[in-house]
C-alpha cells in the first residue's frame, strides 16, 4: 500500500481488493447494498475520489463528510463508510468506526 501524492494527501491507493475482503477482520462492520465491488483507493476528501474509491464519510469540526458523499459517488466512489445510511446507490458500511488522526510525520491517518 502506498500513499498517492505528498504527505497529508487524503488518498491511499493499492491493488484492487473486493470490499468484503478489505473489511474482513474489522469488528462490527455492517454492509448494505451489493458489496462485491472492487476497491482501488481509500479517501476521506471527495475532491480526491476517482473510479474505484471507498469514500469515508467522517464528521469533522467544520464539515461532515456525509454532505460530500453524493459528490464522491459522482466522481467514482463505488462504496461508502458511513455513520448513518444515505440514499445513494452504492454499498455502505455502517458498522466500522473511522476517525482521522495524525501520524508522527504530521500526515493525516485514517484509523
Protein backbone atom coordinates (compact mmCIF):
# COMPACT_ATOMS: atom_id res chain seq x y z
CA UNK A 1 0.00 0.00 0.00
CA UNK A 2 1.40 3.39 -0.90
CA UNK A 3 0.31 6.93 -0.40
CA UNK A 4 -0.55 8.91 -3.50
CA UNK A 5 0.78 12.44 -3.63
CA UNK A 6 2.56 14.37 -0.90
CA UNK A 7 2.43 13.89 2.85
CA UNK A 8 -1.01 14.73 4.18
CA UNK A 9 -2.86 13.81 0.97
CA UNK A 10 -6.16 12.16 1.97
CA UNK A 11 -5.89 9.34 -0.60
CA UNK A 12 -4.37 5.88 -0.37
CA UNK A 13 -4.07 3.69 -3.49
CA UNK A 14 -3.37 -0.05 -3.72
CA UNK A 15 -4.02 -3.09 -5.89
CA UNK A 16 -7.70 -3.89 -6.37
CA UNK A 17 -9.40 -5.70 -3.48
CA UNK A 18 -13.00 -6.79 -3.03
CA UNK A 19 -14.90 -4.71 -0.44
CA UNK A 20 -15.72 -7.65 1.92
CA UNK A 21 -12.04 -8.70 1.81
CA UNK A 22 -10.97 -5.17 2.69
CA UNK A 23 -13.33 -5.04 5.67
CA UNK A 24 -12.56 -8.59 6.80
CA UNK A 25 -11.09 -8.52 10.29
CA UNK A 26 -12.81 -5.29 11.30
CA UNK A 27 -15.20 -5.65 14.17
CA UNK A 28 -18.85 -4.74 13.68
CA UNK A 29 -18.89 -3.88 10.00
CA UNK A 30 -22.40 -3.83 8.55
CA UNK A 31 -22.70 -3.75 4.75
CA UNK A 32 -25.81 -2.80 2.86
CA UNK A 33 -26.28 -2.96 -0.88
CA UNK A 34 -24.36 -5.18 -3.30
CA UNK A 35 -20.98 -5.48 -1.54
CA UNK A 36 -18.95 -7.17 -4.26
CA UNK A 37 -17.23 -4.14 -5.74
CA UNK A 38 -13.51 -3.75 -6.31
CA UNK A 39 -11.76 -1.05 -4.29
CA UNK A 40 -8.53 0.51 -5.59
CA UNK A 41 -8.23 3.51 -3.26
CA UNK A 42 -9.45 5.00 0.02
CA UNK A 43 -10.29 8.65 0.57
CA UNK A 44 -12.00 10.96 3.04
CA UNK A 45 -11.80 14.02 0.74
CA UNK A 46 -14.34 13.95 -2.10
CA UNK A 47 -12.05 16.12 -4.25
CA UNK A 48 -9.54 13.25 -4.49
CA UNK A 49 -12.03 10.50 -5.32
CA UNK A 50 -11.50 8.53 -8.51
CA UNK A 51 -13.12 5.43 -10.00
CA UNK A 52 -12.99 2.53 -7.53
CA UNK A 53 -12.66 4.58 -4.32
CA UNK A 54 -14.08 3.65 -0.91
CA UNK A 55 -15.12 7.06 0.48
CA UNK A 56 -15.15 7.61 4.26
CA UNK A 57 -17.91 9.99 5.43
CA UNK A 58 -16.27 11.36 8.54
CA UNK A 59 -17.85 14.15 10.58
CA UNK A 60 -15.34 16.85 11.44
CA UNK A 61 -15.31 20.10 13.35
CA UNK A 62 -16.13 22.23 10.29
CA UNK A 63 -17.57 19.77 7.76
CA UNK A 64 -19.41 16.47 7.78
CA UNK A 65 -18.17 14.05 5.12
CA UNK A 66 -21.72 12.76 4.70
CA UNK A 67 -22.53 16.08 2.97
CA UNK A 68 -19.96 15.26 0.27
CA UNK A 69 -20.93 11.63 -0.32
CA UNK A 70 -23.06 12.43 -3.38
CA UNK A 71 -20.14 14.28 -4.97
CA UNK A 72 -17.81 11.37 -4.13
CA UNK A 73 -20.16 8.91 -5.84
CA UNK A 74 -20.41 11.21 -8.87
CA UNK A 75 -16.59 11.23 -9.05
CA UNK A 76 -16.38 7.42 -8.98
CA UNK A 77 -16.69 6.21 -5.38
CA UNK A 78 -18.04 2.64 -5.50
CA UNK A 79 -18.73 2.28 -1.76
CA UNK A 80 -19.10 4.42 1.37
CA UNK A 81 -18.14 4.05 5.01
CA UNK A 82 -20.90 5.94 6.81
CA UNK A 83 -22.19 6.66 10.29
CA UNK A 84 -25.76 6.97 9.07
CA UNK A 85 -27.44 5.49 5.97
CA UNK A 86 -27.51 7.65 2.88
CA UNK A 87 -29.87 7.46 -0.11
CA UNK A 88 -27.10 6.70 -2.61
CA UNK A 89 -26.84 3.71 -4.99
CA UNK A 90 -23.58 2.23 -3.67
CA UNK A 91 -22.78 -0.28 -0.90
CA UNK A 92 -22.45 1.30 2.53
CA UNK A 93 -20.66 0.08 5.63
CA UNK A 94 -22.48 1.44 8.68
CA UNK A 95 -20.67 -0.52 11.37
CA UNK A 96 -16.99 0.39 11.16
CA UNK A 97 -15.91 3.35 13.25
CA UNK A 98 -13.48 5.64 11.44
CA UNK A 99 -11.71 8.77 12.55
CA UNK A 100 -8.83 10.93 11.40
CA UNK A 101 -5.69 11.19 13.47
CA UNK A 102 -2.20 12.48 12.73
CA UNK A 103 0.90 10.42 12.05
CA UNK A 104 4.31 11.13 13.56
CA UNK A 105 5.27 13.00 10.37
CA UNK A 106 2.19 15.25 10.61
CA UNK A 107 0.28 13.44 7.88
CA UNK A 108 -3.39 12.52 8.22
CA UNK A 109 -4.03 8.95 9.35
CA UNK A 110 -7.32 7.17 8.85
CA UNK A 111 -7.97 4.72 11.69
